[in-house]
C-alpha atoms as a PDB file:
ATOM      1  CA  UNK A   1      23.827  18.635 -12.685  1.00  0.00           C
ATOM      2  CA  UNK A   2      22.600  22.111 -11.821  1.00  0.00           C
ATOM      3  CA  UNK A   3      19.166  21.210 -13.194  1.00  0.00           C
ATOM      4  CA  UNK A   4      18.930  18.233 -10.850  1.00  0.00           C
ATOM      5  CA  UNK A   5      19.898  20.291  -7.815  1.00  0.00           C
ATOM      6  CA  UNK A   6      17.446  22.993  -8.814  1.00  0.00           C
ATOM      7  CA  UNK A   7      14.679  20.416  -9.211  1.00  0.00           C
ATOM      8  CA  UNK A   8      15.439  18.892  -5.803  1.00  0.00           C
ATOM      9  CA  UNK A   9      15.467  22.264  -4.063  1.00  0.00           C
ATOM     10  CA  UNK A  10      12.179  23.311  -5.716  1.00  0.00           C
ATOM     11  CA  UNK A  11      10.460  19.942  -5.104  1.00  0.00           C
ATOM     12  CA  UNK A  12      11.819  18.822  -1.761  1.00  0.00           C
ATOM     13  CA  UNK A  13       8.830  16.653  -0.772  1.00  0.00           C
ATOM     14  CA  UNK A  14       8.648  14.937  -4.161  1.00  0.00           C
ATOM     15  CA  UNK A  15      12.413  14.349  -4.158  1.00  0.00           C
ATOM     16  CA  UNK A  16      12.317  12.910  -0.633  1.00  0.00           C
ATOM     17  CA  UNK A  17       9.474  10.603  -1.561  1.00  0.00           C
ATOM     18  CA  UNK A  18      11.306   9.454  -4.688  1.00  0.00           C
ATOM     19  CA  UNK A  19      14.482   8.770  -2.675  1.00  0.00           C
ATOM     20  CA  UNK A  20      12.532   6.763  -0.078  1.00  0.00           C
ATOM     21  CA  UNK A  21      10.854   4.631  -2.745  1.00  0.00           C
ATOM     22  CA  UNK A  22      14.182   4.040  -4.466  1.00  0.00           C
ATOM     23  CA  UNK A  23      15.708   2.958  -1.133  1.00  0.00           C
ATOM     24  CA  UNK A  24      12.871   0.511  -0.497  1.00  0.00           C
ATOM     25  CA  UNK A  25      13.217  -1.003  -3.977  1.00  0.00           C
ATOM     26  CA  UNK A  26      16.968  -1.427  -3.532  1.00  0.00           C
ATOM     27  CA  UNK A  27      16.494  -2.970  -0.074  1.00  0.00           C
ATOM     28  CA  UNK A  28      13.901  -5.484  -1.303  1.00  0.00           C
ATOM     29  CA  UNK A  29      16.036  -6.386  -4.296  1.00  0.00           C
ATOM     30  CA  UNK A  30      19.173  -7.127  -2.298  1.00  0.00           C
ATOM     31  CA  UNK A  31      17.412  -8.647   0.721  1.00  0.00           C
ATOM     32  CA  UNK A  32      17.444 -12.106  -0.897  1.00  0.00           C
ATOM     33  CA  UNK A  33      21.249 -12.081  -1.073  1.00  0.00           C
ATOM     34  CA  UNK A  34      21.593 -11.692   2.698  1.00  0.00           C
ATOM     35  CA  UNK A  35      19.059 -14.288   3.810  1.00  0.00           C
ATOM     36  CA  UNK A  36      20.551 -17.413   5.311  1.00  0.00           C
ATOM     37  CA  UNK A  37      18.016 -19.572   3.515  1.00  0.00           C
ATOM     38  CA  UNK A  38      16.568 -19.299   0.044  1.00  0.00           C
ATOM     39  CA  UNK A  39      12.868 -18.680  -0.514  1.00  0.00           C
ATOM     40  CA  UNK A  40      11.462 -21.081  -3.085  1.00  0.00           C
ATOM     41  CA  UNK A  41       8.090 -21.658  -4.690  1.00  0.00           C
ATOM     42  CA  UNK A  42       6.131 -24.914  -4.733  1.00  0.00           C
ATOM     43  CA  UNK A  43       7.389 -26.095  -8.093  1.00  0.00           C
ATOM     44  CA  UNK A  44      11.022 -25.614  -7.149  1.00  0.00           C
ATOM     45  CA  UNK A  45      10.305 -27.500  -3.905  1.00  0.00           C
ATOM     46  CA  UNK A  46       8.818 -30.399  -5.894  1.00  0.00           C
ATOM     47  CA  UNK A  47      11.904 -30.389  -8.090  1.00  0.00           C
ATOM     48  CA  UNK A  48      14.178 -30.578  -5.024  1.00  0.00           C
ATOM     49  CA  UNK A  49      12.095 -33.379  -3.523  1.00  0.00           C
ATOM     50  CA  UNK A  50      12.043 -35.467  -6.703  1.00  0.00           C
ATOM     51  CA  UNK A  51      15.582 -34.916  -7.988  1.00  0.00           C
ATOM     52  CA  UNK A  52      17.644 -34.328  -4.842  1.00  0.00           C
ATOM     53  CA  UNK A  53      15.579 -36.204  -2.223  1.00  0.00           C
ATOM     54  CA  UNK A  54      15.089 -33.058  -0.156  1.00  0.00           C
ATOM     55  CA  UNK A  55      13.859 -33.497   3.409  1.00  0.00           C
ATOM     56  CA  UNK A  56      10.795 -31.508   4.414  1.00  0.00           C
ATOM     57  CA  UNK A  57      10.567 -30.175   7.941  1.00  0.00           C
ATOM     58  CA  UNK A  58       7.201 -28.713   8.904  1.00  0.00           C
ATOM     59  CA  UNK A  59       7.670 -26.206  11.714  1.00  0.00           C
ATOM     60  CA  UNK A  60       4.031 -25.217  12.153  1.00  0.00           C
ATOM     61  CA  UNK A  61       1.914 -26.042  15.181  1.00  0.00           C
ATOM     62  CA  UNK A  62       0.609 -29.590  15.637  1.00  0.00           C
ATOM     63  CA  UNK A  63      -2.947 -28.496  14.798  1.00  0.00           C
ATOM     64  CA  UNK A  64      -1.854 -26.949  11.492  1.00  0.00           C
ATOM     65  CA  UNK A  65       0.340 -29.955  10.724  1.00  0.00           C
ATOM     66  CA  UNK A  66      -2.560 -32.364  11.332  1.00  0.00           C
ATOM     67  CA  UNK A  67      -4.899 -30.260   9.180  1.00  0.00           C
ATOM     68  CA  UNK A  68      -2.672 -30.938   6.174  1.00  0.00           C
ATOM     69  CA  UNK A  69       1.014 -31.470   5.445  1.00  0.00           C
ATOM     70  CA  UNK A  70       3.279 -32.554   2.614  1.00  0.00           C
ATOM     71  CA  UNK A  71       3.937 -36.279   2.232  1.00  0.00           C
ATOM     72  CA  UNK A  72       6.931 -37.441   4.332  1.00  0.00           C
ATOM     73  CA  UNK A  73       7.197 -34.096   6.123  1.00  0.00           C
ATOM     74  CA  UNK A  74       8.809 -34.276   9.547  1.00  0.00           C
ATOM     75  CA  UNK A  75       6.986 -32.260  12.186  1.00  0.00           C
ATOM     76  CA  UNK A  76       9.156 -30.166  14.503  1.00  0.00           C
ATOM     77  CA  UNK A  77       7.649 -26.949  15.909  1.00  0.00           C
ATOM     78  CA  UNK A  78       9.940 -23.928  15.557  1.00  0.00           C
ATOM     79  CA  UNK A  79      10.312 -23.550  19.315  1.00  0.00           C
ATOM     80  CA  UNK A  80      11.493 -27.159  19.663  1.00  0.00           C
ATOM     81  CA  UNK A  81      14.229 -26.948  17.024  1.00  0.00           C
ATOM     82  CA  UNK A  82      17.464 -27.472  18.886  1.00  0.00           C
ATOM     83  CA  UNK A  83      20.966 -28.732  18.305  1.00  0.00           C
ATOM     84  CA  UNK A  84      20.015 -32.129  19.785  1.00  0.00           C
ATOM     85  CA  UNK A  85      16.826 -32.448  17.726  1.00  0.00           C
ATOM     86  CA  UNK A  86      18.665 -31.700  14.474  1.00  0.00           C
ATOM     87  CA  UNK A  87      21.310 -34.297  15.296  1.00  0.00           C
ATOM     88  CA  UNK A  88      18.551 -36.857  15.991  1.00  0.00           C
ATOM     89  CA  UNK A  89      17.214 -36.315  12.466  1.00  0.00           C
ATOM     90  CA  UNK A  90      20.603 -37.408  11.122  1.00  0.00           C
ATOM     91  CA  UNK A  91      20.343 -35.051   8.161  1.00  0.00           C
ATOM     92  CA  UNK A  92      23.029 -35.139   5.505  1.00  0.00           C
ATOM     93  CA  UNK A  93      24.914 -31.940   4.771  1.00  0.00           C
ATOM     94  CA  UNK A  94      24.460 -32.590   1.036  1.00  0.00           C
ATOM     95  CA  UNK A  95      20.701 -33.200   0.957  1.00  0.00           C
ATOM     96  CA  UNK A  96      18.588 -30.022   0.808  1.00  0.00           C
ATOM     97  CA  UNK A  97      16.201 -29.218   3.658  1.00  0.00           C
ATOM     98  CA  UNK A  98      12.896 -27.479   2.941  1.00  0.00           C
ATOM     99  CA  UNK A  99      11.307 -25.707   5.892  1.00  0.00           C
ATOM    100  CA  UNK A 100       7.569 -25.124   6.045  1.00  0.00           C
ATOM    101  CA  UNK A 101       7.125 -22.060   8.255  1.00  0.00           C
ATOM    102  CA  UNK A 102       3.798 -20.509   9.248  1.00  0.00           C
ATOM    103  CA  UNK A 103       5.042 -17.003  10.079  1.00  0.00           C
ATOM    104  CA  UNK A 104       8.216 -15.292   9.005  1.00  0.00           C
ATOM    105  CA  UNK A 105       9.187 -13.653  12.282  1.00  0.00           C
ATOM    106  CA  UNK A 106      12.679 -14.400  13.588  1.00  0.00           C
ATOM    107  CA  UNK A 107      13.322 -17.377  11.298  1.00  0.00           C
ATOM    108  CA  UNK A 108      17.056 -16.750  11.006  1.00  0.00           C
ATOM    109  CA  UNK A 109      17.495 -17.756  14.659  1.00  0.00           C
ATOM    110  CA  UNK A 110      16.127 -21.232  13.921  1.00  0.00           C
ATOM    111  CA  UNK A 111      17.847 -21.518  10.553  1.00  0.00           C
ATOM    112  CA  UNK A 112      21.130 -20.840  12.356  1.00  0.00           C
ATOM    113  CA  UNK A 113      20.570 -24.069  14.336  1.00  0.00           C
ATOM    114  CA  UNK A 114      20.575 -26.021  11.071  1.00  0.00           C
ATOM    115  CA  UNK A 115      23.628 -24.160   9.757  1.00  0.00           C
ATOM    116  CA  UNK A 116      25.539 -24.812  12.988  1.00  0.00           C
ATOM    117  CA  UNK A 117      25.047 -28.530  12.318  1.00  0.00           C
ATOM    118  CA  UNK A 118      26.639 -28.211   8.884  1.00  0.00           C
ATOM    119  CA  UNK A 119      23.412 -28.144   6.881  1.00  0.00           C
ATOM    120  CA  UNK A 120      23.942 -25.481   4.245  1.00  0.00           C
ATOM    121  CA  UNK A 121      21.207 -26.250   1.693  1.00  0.00           C
ATOM    122  CA  UNK A 122      18.276 -24.707   3.534  1.00  0.00           C
ATOM    123  CA  UNK A 123      15.193 -23.577   1.659  1.00  0.00           C
ATOM    124  CA  UNK A 124      11.983 -22.002   2.905  1.00  0.00           C
ATOM    125  CA  UNK A 125       8.726 -22.630   1.072  1.00  0.00           C
ATOM    126  CA  UNK A 126       7.460 -19.166   0.189  1.00  0.00           C
ATOM    127  CA  UNK A 127       4.054 -18.522   1.788  1.00  0.00           C
ATOM    128  CA  UNK A 128       4.250 -21.961   3.417  1.00  0.00           C
ATOM    129  CA  UNK A 129       1.378 -24.370   3.015  1.00  0.00           C
ATOM    130  CA  UNK A 130      -0.892 -21.583   1.748  1.00  0.00           C
ATOM    131  CA  UNK A 131       0.872 -21.543  -1.617  1.00  0.00           C
ATOM    132  CA  UNK A 132       1.036 -25.352  -1.667  1.00  0.00           C
ATOM    133  CA  UNK A 133      -2.723 -25.582  -1.094  1.00  0.00           C
ATOM    134  CA  UNK A 134      -3.556 -22.798  -3.569  1.00  0.00           C
ATOM    135  CA  UNK A 135      -1.841 -24.791  -6.314  1.00  0.00           C
ATOM    136  CA  UNK A 136      -3.878 -27.893  -5.328  1.00  0.00           C
ATOM    137  CA  UNK A 137      -0.815 -29.975  -4.592  1.00  0.00           C
ATOM    138  CA  UNK A 138      -1.329 -33.161  -2.560  1.00  0.00           C
ATOM    139  CA  UNK A 139      -1.468 -33.035   1.227  1.00  0.00           C
ATOM    140  CA  UNK A 140      -1.817 -35.669   3.932  1.00  0.00           C
ATOM    141  CA  UNK A 141      -4.330 -35.075   6.729  1.00  0.00           C
ATOM    142  CA  UNK A 142      -4.177 -36.782  10.110  1.00  0.00           C
END
């Protein structure tokens, strides 16, 4: 124990840097446990769509939606997601919902709208349509 304290006192900058990096690693590791929705990759999304009839809600702008979207995706821009709009969709609380989001800023606010309506199985496609397109998965263009 004395050796550790001696090392820290002799190498204060190195020790501080090490502690900061350790804190960042711990934060990123446990961040997933506190998200209200689960981040999933394209193949897990396909599995949910095929086996559990997951509903896909594309929250990107209309221009991005028209440039290419997943088959049977419902287009609702993030700013238009409301309690009323979610009730109009008549989503089941058992069926998973996959959200296609363009940017990751302040998503929990919109995810809370779904959770307030009793929808607990919420998933977010990691990297949105970029990862879907990179894996050459089918898209519909309007």
